[in-house]
Amino acid sequence: MGRGLCISVEGRPWFILIKRSDLKEDPQFGELHGSNVGPSTICQFIPNWQSLNWEHPSLEPISSESFSRDGEYRINLVYPADGSVTADQVESDFIKYMSRN
């Protein structure tokens, strides 16, 4: 079991974290641990990835993030707080990444 699924995106300074909206464990996360997870797997949890409404809580100075909810799941895009990338850039890059599906 697991409480979240963390997905690194090669060559990008940000990563994806998917959790249940109620923060409960999800056995699917444990099954995917250590697997190569890409857009098609992310779509299983976040089917409406193209139309998410992003929110931006500040976690500075550690990191910044964009997050949204899609049904039972919450998705976070976590990126450096040093200003090397903006929320808009990361969200746009996420859409491009997911479009590879």
PDB file of N, CA and C in Angstrom:
ATOM      1  N   MET A   1       0.849  -1.182   0.000  1.00  0.00           N
ATOM      2  CA  MET A   1       0.000   0.000   0.000  1.00  0.00           C
ATOM      3  C   MET A   1       0.888   1.236   0.000  1.00  0.00           C
ATOM      4  N   GLY A   2       0.287   2.344  -0.326  1.00  0.00           N
ATOM      5  CA  GLY A   2       1.022   3.585  -0.298  1.00  0.00           C
ATOM      6  C   GLY A   2       0.081   4.769  -0.192  1.00  0.00           C
ATOM      7  N   ARG A   3       0.626   5.846   0.321  1.00  0.00           N
ATOM      8  CA  ARG A   3      -0.162   7.071   0.472  1.00  0.00           C
ATOM      9  C   ARG A   3      -0.030   8.001  -0.725  1.00  0.00           C
ATOM     10  N   GLY A   4       0.950   7.742  -1.575  1.00  0.00           N
ATOM     11  CA  GLY A   4       1.132   8.595  -2.734  1.00  0.00           C
ATOM     12  C   GLY A   4       2.003   7.932  -3.780  1.00  0.00           C
ATOM     13  N   LEU A   5       1.926   8.468  -4.961  1.00  0.00           N
ATOM     14  CA  LEU A   5       2.723   7.996  -6.086  1.00  0.00           C
ATOM     15  C   LEU A   5       3.553   9.169  -6.573  1.00  0.00           C
ATOM     16  N   CYS A   6       4.867   9.058  -6.441  1.00  0.00           N
ATOM     17  CA  CYS A   6       5.783  10.124  -6.844  1.00  0.00           C
ATOM     18  C   CYS A   6       6.407   9.744  -8.189  1.00  0.00           C
ATOM     19  N   ILE A   7       6.310  10.662  -9.154  1.00  0.00           N
ATOM     20  CA  ILE A   7       6.768  10.384 -10.509  1.00  0.00           C
ATOM     21  C   ILE A   7       7.765  11.458 -10.932  1.00  0.00           C
ATOM     22  N   SER A   8       8.991  11.057 -11.171  1.00  0.00           N
ATOM     23  CA  SER A   8      10.001  11.972 -11.705  1.00  0.00           C
ATOM     24  C   SER A   8       9.854  12.016 -13.217  1.00  0.00           C
ATOM     25  N   VAL A   9      10.047  13.197 -13.768  1.00  0.00           N
ATOM     26  CA  VAL A   9       9.957  13.364 -15.213  1.00  0.00           C
ATOM     27  C   VAL A   9      11.360  13.703 -15.703  1.00  0.00           C
ATOM     28  N   GLU A  10      11.929  12.806 -16.481  1.00  0.00           N
ATOM     29  CA  GLU A  10      13.317  12.937 -16.918  1.00  0.00           C
ATOM     30  C   GLU A  10      13.598  14.286 -17.565  1.00  0.00           C
ATOM     31  N   GLY A  11      14.679  14.918 -17.109  1.00  0.00           N
ATOM     32  CA  GLY A  11      15.125  16.176 -17.685  1.00  0.00           C
ATOM     33  C   GLY A  11      14.362  17.398 -17.216  1.00  0.00           C
ATOM     34  N   ARG A  12      13.466  17.219 -16.260  1.00  0.00           N
ATOM     35  CA  ARG A  12      12.678  18.353 -15.777  1.00  0.00           C
ATOM     36  C   ARG A  12      12.969  18.605 -14.304  1.00  0.00           C
ATOM     37  N   PRO A  13      12.919  19.873 -13.880  1.00  0.00           N
ATOM     38  CA  PRO A  13      13.224  20.185 -12.484  1.00  0.00           C
ATOM     39  C   PRO A  13      12.027  20.012 -11.559  1.00  0.00           C
ATOM     40  N   TRP A  14      10.973  19.397 -12.032  1.00  0.00           N
ATOM     41  CA  TRP A  14       9.761  19.216 -11.233  1.00  0.00           C
ATOM     42  C   TRP A  14       9.376  17.744 -11.226  1.00  0.00           C
ATOM     43  N   PHE A  15       8.513  17.379 -10.271  1.00  0.00           N
ATOM     44  CA  PHE A  15       8.010  16.009 -10.232  1.00  0.00           C
ATOM     45  C   PHE A  15       6.517  16.042  -9.922  1.00  0.00           C
ATOM     46  N   ILE A  16       5.886  14.899 -10.140  1.00  0.00           N
ATOM     47  CA  ILE A  16       4.446  14.744  -9.958  1.00  0.00           C
ATOM     48  C   ILE A  16       4.208  13.892  -8.721  1.00  0.00           C
ATOM     49  N   LEU A  17       3.259  14.312  -7.907  1.00  0.00           N
ATOM     50  CA  LEU A  17       2.850  13.532  -6.752  1.00  0.00           C
ATOM     51  C   LEU A  17       1.336  13.357  -6.829  1.00  0.00           C
ATOM     52  N   ILE A  18       0.878  12.119  -6.826  1.00  0.00           N
ATOM     53  CA  ILE A  18      -0.552  11.818  -6.866  1.00  0.00           C
ATOM     54  C   ILE A  18      -0.938  11.154  -5.551  1.00  0.00           C
ATOM     55  N   LYS A  19      -1.997  11.650  -4.938  1.00  0.00           N
ATOM     56  CA  LYS A  19      -2.521  11.093  -3.690  1.00  0.00           C
ATOM     57  C   LYS A  19      -4.037  10.983  -3.813  1.00  0.00           C
ATOM     58  N   ARG A  20      -4.621  10.198  -2.948  1.00  0.00           N
ATOM     59  CA  ARG A  20      -6.076  10.208  -2.834  1.00  0.00           C
ATOM     60  C   ARG A  20      -6.484  11.531  -2.198  1.00  0.00           C
ATOM     61  N   SER A  21      -7.599  12.089  -2.611  1.00  0.00           N
ATOM     62  CA  SER A  21      -8.074  13.351  -2.040  1.00  0.00           C
ATOM     63  C   SER A  21      -8.359  13.232  -0.552  1.00  0.00           C
ATOM     64  N   ASP A  22      -8.758  12.035  -0.103  1.00  0.00           N
ATOM     65  CA  ASP A  22      -9.032  11.831   1.322  1.00  0.00           C
ATOM     66  C   ASP A  22      -7.778  11.421   2.105  1.00  0.00           C
ATOM     67  N   LEU A  23      -6.631  11.383   1.423  1.00  0.00           N
ATOM     68  CA  LEU A  23      -5.313  11.059   1.992  1.00  0.00           C
ATOM     69  C   LEU A  23      -5.194   9.634   2.523  1.00  0.00           C
ATOM     70  N   LYS A  24      -6.146   8.781   2.204  1.00  0.00           N
ATOM     71  CA  LYS A  24      -6.046   7.374   2.591  1.00  0.00           C
ATOM     72  C   LYS A  24      -5.061   6.653   1.680  1.00  0.00           C
ATOM     73  N   GLU A  25      -4.621   5.481   2.144  1.00  0.00           N
ATOM     74  CA  GLU A  25      -3.729   4.669   1.329  1.00  0.00           C
ATOM     75  C   GLU A  25      -4.479   4.105   0.128  1.00  0.00           C
ATOM     76  N   ASP A  26      -3.726   3.847  -0.933  1.00  0.00           N
ATOM     77  CA  ASP A  26      -4.292   3.260  -2.136  1.00  0.00           C
ATOM     78  C   ASP A  26      -3.386   2.102  -2.547  1.00  0.00           C
ATOM     79  N   PRO A  27      -3.893   0.880  -2.596  1.00  0.00           N
ATOM     80  CA  PRO A  27      -3.043  -0.265  -2.941  1.00  0.00           C
ATOM     81  C   PRO A  27      -2.397  -0.149  -4.318  1.00  0.00           C
ATOM     82  N   GLN A  28      -3.013   0.596  -5.214  1.00  0.00           N
ATOM     83  CA  GLN A  28      -2.430   0.769  -6.551  1.00  0.00           C
ATOM     84  C   GLN A  28      -1.080   1.479  -6.486  1.00  0.00           C
ATOM     85  N   PHE A  29      -0.925   2.397  -5.533  1.00  0.00           N
ATOM     86  CA  PHE A  29       0.349   3.106  -5.404  1.00  0.00           C
ATOM     87  C   PHE A  29       1.469   2.136  -5.044  1.00  0.00           C
ATOM     88  N   GLY A  30       1.194   1.229  -4.125  1.00  0.00           N
ATOM     89  CA  GLY A  30       2.189   0.235  -3.738  1.00  0.00           C
ATOM     90  C   GLY A  30       2.559  -0.678  -4.892  1.00  0.00           C
ATOM     91  N   GLU A  31       1.561  -1.065  -5.677  1.00  0.00           N
ATOM     92  CA  GLU A  31       1.805  -1.935  -6.825  1.00  0.00           C
ATOM     93  C   GLU A  31       2.686  -1.254  -7.874  1.00  0.00           C
ATOM     94  N   LEU A  32       2.606   0.072  -7.957  1.00  0.00           N
ATOM     95  CA  LEU A  32       3.373   0.820  -8.958  1.00  0.00           C
ATOM     96  C   LEU A  32       4.746   1.261  -8.452  1.00  0.00           C
ATOM     97  N   HIS A  33       5.009   1.063  -7.165  1.00  0.00           N
ATOM     98  CA  HIS A  33       6.284   1.492  -6.588  1.00  0.00           C
ATOM     99  C   HIS A  33       7.451   0.877  -7.354  1.00  0.00           C
ATOM    100  N   GLY A  34       8.365   1.723  -7.787  1.00  0.00           N
ATOM    101  CA  GLY A  34       9.542   1.269  -8.512  1.00  0.00           C
ATOM    102  C   GLY A  34       9.309   1.026  -9.993  1.00  0.00           C
ATOM    103  N   SER A  35       8.080   1.203 -10.458  1.00  0.00           N
ATOM    104  CA  SER A  35       7.770   0.995 -11.872  1.00  0.00           C
ATOM    105  C   SER A  35       8.053   2.252 -12.686  1.00  0.00           C
ATOM    106  N   ASN A  36       8.195   2.069 -13.982  1.00  0.00           N
ATOM    107  CA  ASN A  36       8.333   3.192 -14.896  1.00  0.00           C
ATOM    108  C   ASN A  36       6.924   3.704 -15.195  1.00  0.00           C
ATOM    109  N   VAL A  37       6.548   4.800 -14.555  1.00  0.00           N
ATOM    110  CA  VAL A  37       5.198   5.349 -14.673  1.00  0.00           C
ATOM    111  C   VAL A  37       5.222   6.521 -15.638  1.00  0.00           C
ATOM    112  N   GLY A  38       4.341   6.484 -16.631  1.00  0.00           N
ATOM    113  CA  GLY A  38       4.274   7.549 -17.621  1.00  0.00           C
ATOM    114  C   GLY A  38       2.864   8.083 -17.759  1.00  0.00           C
ATOM    115  N   PRO A  39       2.631   8.872 -18.797  1.00  0.00           N
ATOM    116  CA  PRO A  39       1.331   9.502 -18.999  1.00  0.00           C
ATOM    117  C   PRO A  39       0.139   8.554 -18.990  1.00  0.00           C
ATOM    118  N   SER A  40       0.273   7.375 -19.585  1.00  0.00           N
ATOM    119  CA  SER A  40      -0.886   6.471 -19.634  1.00  0.00           C
ATOM    120  C   SER A  40      -1.297   6.015 -18.236  1.00  0.00           C
ATOM    121  N   THR A  41      -0.338   5.797 -17.351  1.00  0.00           N
ATOM    122  CA  THR A  41      -0.652   5.412 -15.975  1.00  0.00           C
ATOM    123  C   THR A  41      -1.240   6.596 -15.218  1.00  0.00           C
ATOM    124  N   ILE A  42      -0.686   7.775 -15.417  1.00  0.00           N
ATOM    125  CA  ILE A  42      -1.196   8.978 -14.751  1.00  0.00           C
ATOM    126  C   ILE A  42      -2.655   9.200 -15.138  1.00  0.00           C
ATOM    127  N   CYS A  43      -3.003   8.933 -16.389  1.00  0.00           N
ATOM    128  CA  CYS A  43      -4.384   9.097 -16.866  1.00  0.00           C
ATOM    129  C   CYS A  43      -5.370   8.206 -16.114  1.00  0.00           C
ATOM    130  N   GLN A  44      -4.897   7.091 -15.595  1.00  0.00           N
ATOM    131  CA  GLN A  44      -5.778   6.204 -14.829  1.00  0.00           C
ATOM    132  C   GLN A  44      -6.260   6.892 -13.550  1.00  0.00           C
ATOM    133  N   PHE A  45      -5.438   7.764 -12.989  1.00  0.00           N
ATOM    134  CA  PHE A  45      -5.777   8.473 -11.761  1.00  0.00           C
ATOM    135  C   PHE A  45      -6.331   9.873 -12.036  1.00  0.00           C
ATOM    136  N   ILE A  46      -5.816  10.513 -13.073  1.00  0.00           N
ATOM    137  CA  ILE A  46      -6.162  11.903 -13.393  1.00  0.00           C
ATOM    138  C   ILE A  46      -6.678  11.954 -14.835  1.00  0.00           C
ATOM    139  N   PRO A  47      -7.882  11.432 -15.091  1.00  0.00           N
ATOM    140  CA  PRO A  47      -8.372  11.377 -16.471  1.00  0.00           C
ATOM    141  C   PRO A  47      -8.662  12.753 -17.081  1.00  0.00           C
ATOM    142  N   ASN A  48      -8.901  13.732 -16.258  1.00  0.00           N
ATOM    143  CA  ASN A  48      -9.226  15.079 -16.764  1.00  0.00           C
ATOM    144  C   ASN A  48      -8.018  16.017 -16.731  1.00  0.00           C
ATOM    145  N   TRP A  49      -6.836  15.472 -16.976  1.00  0.00           N
ATOM    146  CA  TRP A  49      -5.588  16.234 -16.858  1.00  0.00           C
ATOM    147  C   TRP A  49      -5.553  17.471 -17.742  1.00  0.00           C
ATOM    148  N   GLN A  50      -6.293  17.472 -18.834  1.00  0.00           N
ATOM    149  CA  GLN A  50      -6.265  18.615 -19.759  1.00  0.00           C
ATOM    150  C   GLN A  50      -7.033  19.815 -19.229  1.00  0.00           C
ATOM    151  N   SER A  51      -7.914  19.614 -18.268  1.00  0.00           N
ATOM    152  CA  SER A  51      -8.783  20.710 -17.817  1.00  0.00           C
ATOM    153  C   SER A  51      -8.707  20.949 -16.309  1.00  0.00           C
ATOM    154  N   LEU A  52      -7.566  20.693 -15.714  1.00  0.00           N
ATOM    155  CA  LEU A  52      -7.414  20.909 -14.277  1.00  0.00           C
ATOM    156  C   LEU A  52      -7.365  22.397 -13.936  1.00  0.00           C
ATOM    157  N   ASN A  53      -7.931  22.749 -12.798  1.00  0.00           N
ATOM    158  CA  ASN A  53      -7.830  24.113 -12.256  1.00  0.00           C
ATOM    159  C   ASN A  53      -6.767  24.088 -11.166  1.00  0.00           C
ATOM    160  N   TRP A  54      -5.649  24.742 -11.444  1.00  0.00           N
ATOM    161  CA  TRP A  54      -4.493  24.682 -10.556  1.00  0.00           C
ATOM    162  C   TRP A  54      -4.573  25.721  -9.448  1.00  0.00           C
ATOM    163  N   GLU A  55      -4.148  25.313  -8.247  1.00  0.00           N
ATOM    164  CA  GLU A  55      -3.982  26.215  -7.106  1.00  0.00           C
ATOM    165  C   GLU A  55      -2.504  26.234  -6.756  1.00  0.00           C
ATOM    166  N   HIS A  56      -2.080  27.292  -6.033  1.00  0.00           N
ATOM    167  CA  HIS A  56      -0.645  27.490  -5.802  1.00  0.00           C
ATOM    168  C   HIS A  56      -0.324  27.898  -4.363  1.00  0.00           C
ATOM    169  N   PRO A  57      -0.295  26.932  -3.440  1.00  0.00           N
ATOM    170  CA  PRO A  57       0.134  27.269  -2.081  1.00  0.00           C
ATOM    171  C   PRO A  57       1.638  27.485  -2.069  1.00  0.00           C
ATOM    172  N   SER A  58       2.114  28.309  -1.219  1.00  0.00           N
ATOM    173  CA  SER A  58       3.552  28.571  -1.143  1.00  0.00           C
ATOM    174  C   SER A  58       4.181  27.719  -0.055  1.00  0.00           C
ATOM    175  N   LEU A  59       5.204  26.968  -0.415  1.00  0.00           N
ATOM    176  CA  LEU A  59       5.954  26.159   0.538  1.00  0.00           C
ATOM    177  C   LEU A  59       7.377  26.682   0.672  1.00  0.00           C
ATOM    178  N   GLU A  60       7.595  27.905   0.207  1.00  0.00           N
ATOM    179  CA  GLU A  60       8.939  28.466   0.225  1.00  0.00           C
ATOM    180  C   GLU A  60       9.505  28.423   1.633  1.00  0.00           C
ATOM    181  N   PRO A  61      10.810  28.300   1.806  1.00  0.00           N
ATOM    182  CA  PRO A  61      11.836  28.284   0.763  1.00  0.00           C
ATOM    183  C   PRO A  61      12.148  26.894   0.228  1.00  0.00           C
ATOM    184  N   ILE A  62      11.391  25.881   0.637  1.00  0.00           N
ATOM    185  CA  ILE A  62      11.707  24.509   0.250  1.00  0.00           C
ATOM    186  C   ILE A  62      11.348  24.232  -1.203  1.00  0.00           C
ATOM    187  N   SER A  63      10.108  24.466  -1.548  1.00  0.00           N
ATOM    188  CA  SER A  63       9.657  24.209  -2.912  1.00  0.00           C
ATOM    189  C   SER A  63       8.384  24.989  -3.164  1.00  0.00           C
ATOM    190  N   SER A  64       7.967  24.970  -4.397  1.00  0.00           N
ATOM    191  CA  SER A  64       6.686  25.545  -4.796  1.00  0.00           C
ATOM    192  C   SER A  64       5.885  24.431  -5.430  1.00  0.00           C
ATOM    193  N   GLU A  65       4.584  24.612  -5.487  1.00  0.00           N
ATOM    194  CA  GLU A  65       3.786  23.570  -6.104  1.00  0.00           C
ATOM    195  C   GLU A  65       2.510  24.130  -6.708  1.00  0.00           C
ATOM    196  N   SER A  66       2.015  23.383  -7.668  1.00  0.00           N
ATOM    197  CA  SER A  66       0.696  23.592  -8.240  1.00  0.00           C
ATOM    198  C   SER A  66      -0.081  22.332  -7.900  1.00  0.00           C
ATOM    199  N   PHE A  67      -1.330  22.472  -7.457  1.00  0.00           N
ATOM    200  CA  PHE A  67      -2.103  21.266  -7.189  1.00  0.00           C
ATOM    201  C   PHE A  67      -3.537  21.426  -7.662  1.00  0.00           C
ATOM    202  N   SER A  68      -4.143  20.284  -7.915  1.00  0.00           N
ATOM    203  CA  SER A  68      -5.522  20.246  -8.367  1.00  0.00           C
ATOM    204  C   SER A  68      -6.123  18.913  -7.944  1.00  0.00           C
ATOM    205  N   ARG A  69      -7.426  18.820  -8.044  1.00  0.00           N
ATOM    206  CA  ARG A  69      -8.135  17.577  -7.728  1.00  0.00           C
ATOM    207  C   ARG A  69      -8.878  17.099  -8.960  1.00  0.00           C
ATOM    208  N   ASP A  70      -8.936  15.773  -9.088  1.00  0.00           N
ATOM    209  CA  ASP A  70      -9.687  15.146 -10.177  1.00  0.00           C
ATOM    210  C   ASP A  70     -10.380  13.933  -9.578  1.00  0.00           C
ATOM    211  N   GLY A  71     -11.636  14.082  -9.217  1.00  0.00           N
ATOM    212  CA  GLY A  71     -12.366  12.982  -8.604  1.00  0.00           C
ATOM    213  C   GLY A  71     -11.762  12.595  -7.271  1.00  0.00           C
ATOM    214  N   GLU A  72     -11.413  11.318  -7.135  1.00  0.00           N
ATOM    215  CA  GLU A  72     -10.872  10.792  -5.884  1.00  0.00           C
ATOM    216  C   GLU A  72      -9.402  11.133  -5.665  1.00  0.00           C
ATOM    217  N   TYR A  73      -8.757  11.754  -6.647  1.00  0.00           N
ATOM    218  CA  TYR A  73      -7.316  11.960  -6.555  1.00  0.00           C
ATOM    219  C   TYR A  73      -6.929  13.432  -6.619  1.00  0.00           C
ATOM    220  N   ARG A  74      -5.776  13.687  -6.018  1.00  0.00           N
ATOM    221  CA  ARG A  74      -5.176  15.021  -6.015  1.00  0.00           C
ATOM    222  C   ARG A  74      -3.826  14.882  -6.706  1.00  0.00           C
ATOM    223  N   ILE A  75      -3.497  15.849  -7.544  1.00  0.00           N
ATOM    224  CA  ILE A  75      -2.201  15.849  -8.219  1.00  0.00           C
ATOM    225  C   ILE A  75      -1.445  17.112  -7.821  1.00  0.00           C
ATOM    226  N   ASN A  76      -0.175  16.933  -7.500  1.00  0.00           N
ATOM    227  CA  ASN A  76       0.709  18.049  -7.174  1.00  0.00           C
ATOM    228  C   ASN A  76       1.856  18.049  -8.178  1.00  0.00           C
ATOM    229  N   LEU A  77       2.169  19.209  -8.699  1.00  0.00           N
ATOM    230  CA  LEU A  77       3.390  19.413  -9.478  1.00  0.00           C
ATOM    231  C   LEU A  77       4.322  20.190  -8.560  1.00  0.00           C
ATOM    232  N   VAL A  78       5.430  19.598  -8.185  1.00  0.00           N
ATOM    233  CA  VAL A  78       6.333  20.193  -7.206  1.00  0.00           C
ATOM    234  C   VAL A  78       7.611  20.618  -7.919  1.00  0.00           C
ATOM    235  N   TYR A  79       8.025  21.866  -7.680  1.00  0.00           N
ATOM    236  CA  TYR A  79       9.172  22.422  -8.393  1.00  0.00           C
ATOM    237  C   TYR A  79       9.977  23.330  -7.471  1.00  0.00           C
ATOM    238  N   PRO A  80      11.231  23.641  -7.835  1.00  0.00           N
ATOM    239  CA  PRO A  80      12.097  24.444  -6.977  1.00  0.00           C
ATOM    240  C   PRO A  80      11.500  25.830  -6.704  1.00  0.00           C
ATOM    241  N   ALA A  81      11.747  26.323  -5.505  1.00  0.00           N
ATOM    242  CA  ALA A  81      11.257  27.649  -5.119  1.00  0.00           C
ATOM    243  C   ALA A  81      12.253  28.743  -5.475  1.00  0.00           C
ATOM    244  N   ASP A  82      13.311  28.386  -6.181  1.00  0.00           N
ATOM    245  CA  ASP A  82      14.366  29.359  -6.486  1.00  0.00           C
ATOM    246  C   ASP A  82      14.049  30.258  -7.678  1.00  0.00           C
ATOM    247  N   GLY A  83      12.886  30.109  -8.270  1.00  0.00           N
ATOM    248  CA  GLY A  83      12.502  30.945  -9.400  1.00  0.00           C
ATOM    249  C   GLY A  83      13.023  30.460 -10.737  1.00  0.00           C
ATOM    250  N   SER A  84      13.664  29.286 -10.757  1.00  0.00           N
ATOM    251  CA  SER A  84      14.203  28.774 -12.025  1.00  0.00           C
ATOM    252  C   SER A  84      13.091  28.395 -12.993  1.00  0.00           C
ATOM    253  N   VAL A  85      11.915  28.077 -12.472  1.00  0.00           N
ATOM    254  CA  VAL A  85      10.726  27.820 -13.291  1.00  0.00           C
ATOM    255  C   VAL A  85       9.518  28.448 -12.589  1.00  0.00           C
ATOM    256  N   THR A  86       8.525  28.806 -13.379  1.00  0.00           N
ATOM    257  CA  THR A  86       7.306  29.379 -12.818  1.00  0.00           C
ATOM    258  C   THR A  86       6.193  28.337 -12.838  1.00  0.00           C
ATOM    259  N   ALA A  87       5.137  28.615 -12.103  1.00  0.00           N
ATOM    260  CA  ALA A  87       3.980  27.723 -12.101  1.00  0.00           C
ATOM    261  C   ALA A  87       3.435  27.545 -13.513  1.00  0.00           C
ATOM    262  N   ASP A  88       3.317  28.647 -14.249  1.00  0.00           N
ATOM    263  CA  ASP A  88       2.800  28.560 -15.622  1.00  0.00           C
ATOM    264  C   ASP A  88       3.671  27.674 -16.502  1.00  0.00           C
ATOM    265  N   GLN A  89       4.990  27.784 -16.341  1.00  0.00           N
ATOM    266  CA  GLN A  89       5.902  26.968 -17.147  1.00  0.00           C
ATOM    267  C   GLN A  89       5.743  25.486 -16.817  1.00  0.00           C
ATOM    268  N   VAL A  90       5.673  25.180 -15.528  1.00  0.00           N
ATOM    269  CA  VAL A  90       5.553  23.781 -15.108  1.00  0.00           C
ATOM    270  C   VAL A  90       4.213  23.197 -15.557  1.00  0.00           C
ATOM    271  N   GLU A  91       3.145  23.939 -15.393  1.00  0.00           N
ATOM    272  CA  GLU A  91       1.823  23.457 -15.806  1.00  0.00           C
ATOM    273  C   GLU A  91       1.766  23.234 -17.315  1.00  0.00           C
ATOM    274  N   SER A  92       2.360  24.137 -18.085  1.00  0.00           N
ATOM    275  CA  SER A  92       2.420  23.983 -19.534  1.00  0.00           C
ATOM    276  C   SER A  92       3.264  22.773 -19.919  1.00  0.00           C
ATOM    277  N   ASP A  93       4.389  22.600 -19.237  1.00  0.00           N
ATOM    278  CA  ASP A  93       5.267  21.463 -19.500  1.00  0.00           C
ATOM    279  C   ASP A  93       4.560  20.152 -19.150  1.00  0.00           C
ATOM    280  N   PHE A  94       3.779  20.150 -18.081  1.00  0.00           N
ATOM    281  CA  PHE A  94       2.998  18.974 -17.697  1.00  0.00           C
ATOM    282  C   PHE A  94       2.026  18.597 -18.826  1.00  0.00           C
ATOM    283  N   ILE A  95       1.326  19.576 -19.389  1.00  0.00           N
ATOM    284  CA  ILE A  95       0.386  19.313 -20.485  1.00  0.00           C
ATOM    285  C   ILE A  95       1.119  18.711 -21.687  1.00  0.00           C
ATOM    286  N   LYS A  96       2.288  19.255 -22.021  1.00  0.00           N
ATOM    287  CA  LYS A  96       3.081  18.713 -23.126  1.00  0.00           C
ATOM    288  C   LYS A  96       3.506  17.275 -22.838  1.00  0.00           C
ATOM    289  N   TYR A  97       3.955  17.041 -21.611  1.00  0.00           N
ATOM    290  CA  TYR A  97       4.372  15.705 -21.213  1.00  0.00           C
ATOM    291  C   TYR A  97       3.203  14.719 -21.327  1.00  0.00           C
ATOM    292  N   MET A  98       2.050  15.102 -20.818  1.00  0.00           N
ATOM    293  CA  MET A  98       0.893  14.214 -20.844  1.00  0.00           C
ATOM    294  C   MET A  98       0.370  13.993 -22.270  1.00  0.00           C
ATOM    295  N   SER A  99       0.579  14.946 -23.137  1.00  0.00           N
ATOM    296  CA  SER A  99       0.109  14.833 -24.526  1.00  0.00           C
ATOM    297  C   SER A  99       0.870  13.750 -25.293  1.00  0.00           C
ATOM    298  N   ARG A 100       1.958  13.273 -24.756  1.00  0.00           N
ATOM    299  CA  ARG A 100       2.708  12.181 -25.397  1.00  0.00           C
ATOM    300  C   ARG A 100       1.957  10.870 -25.335  1.00  0.00           C
ATOM    301  N   ASN A 101       0.926  10.825 -24.512  1.00  0.00           N
ATOM    302  CA  ASN A 101       0.165   9.600 -24.288  1.00  0.00           C
ATOM    303  C   ASN A 101      -0.485   9.105 -25.579  1.00  0.00           C
TER     304      ASN A 101
END
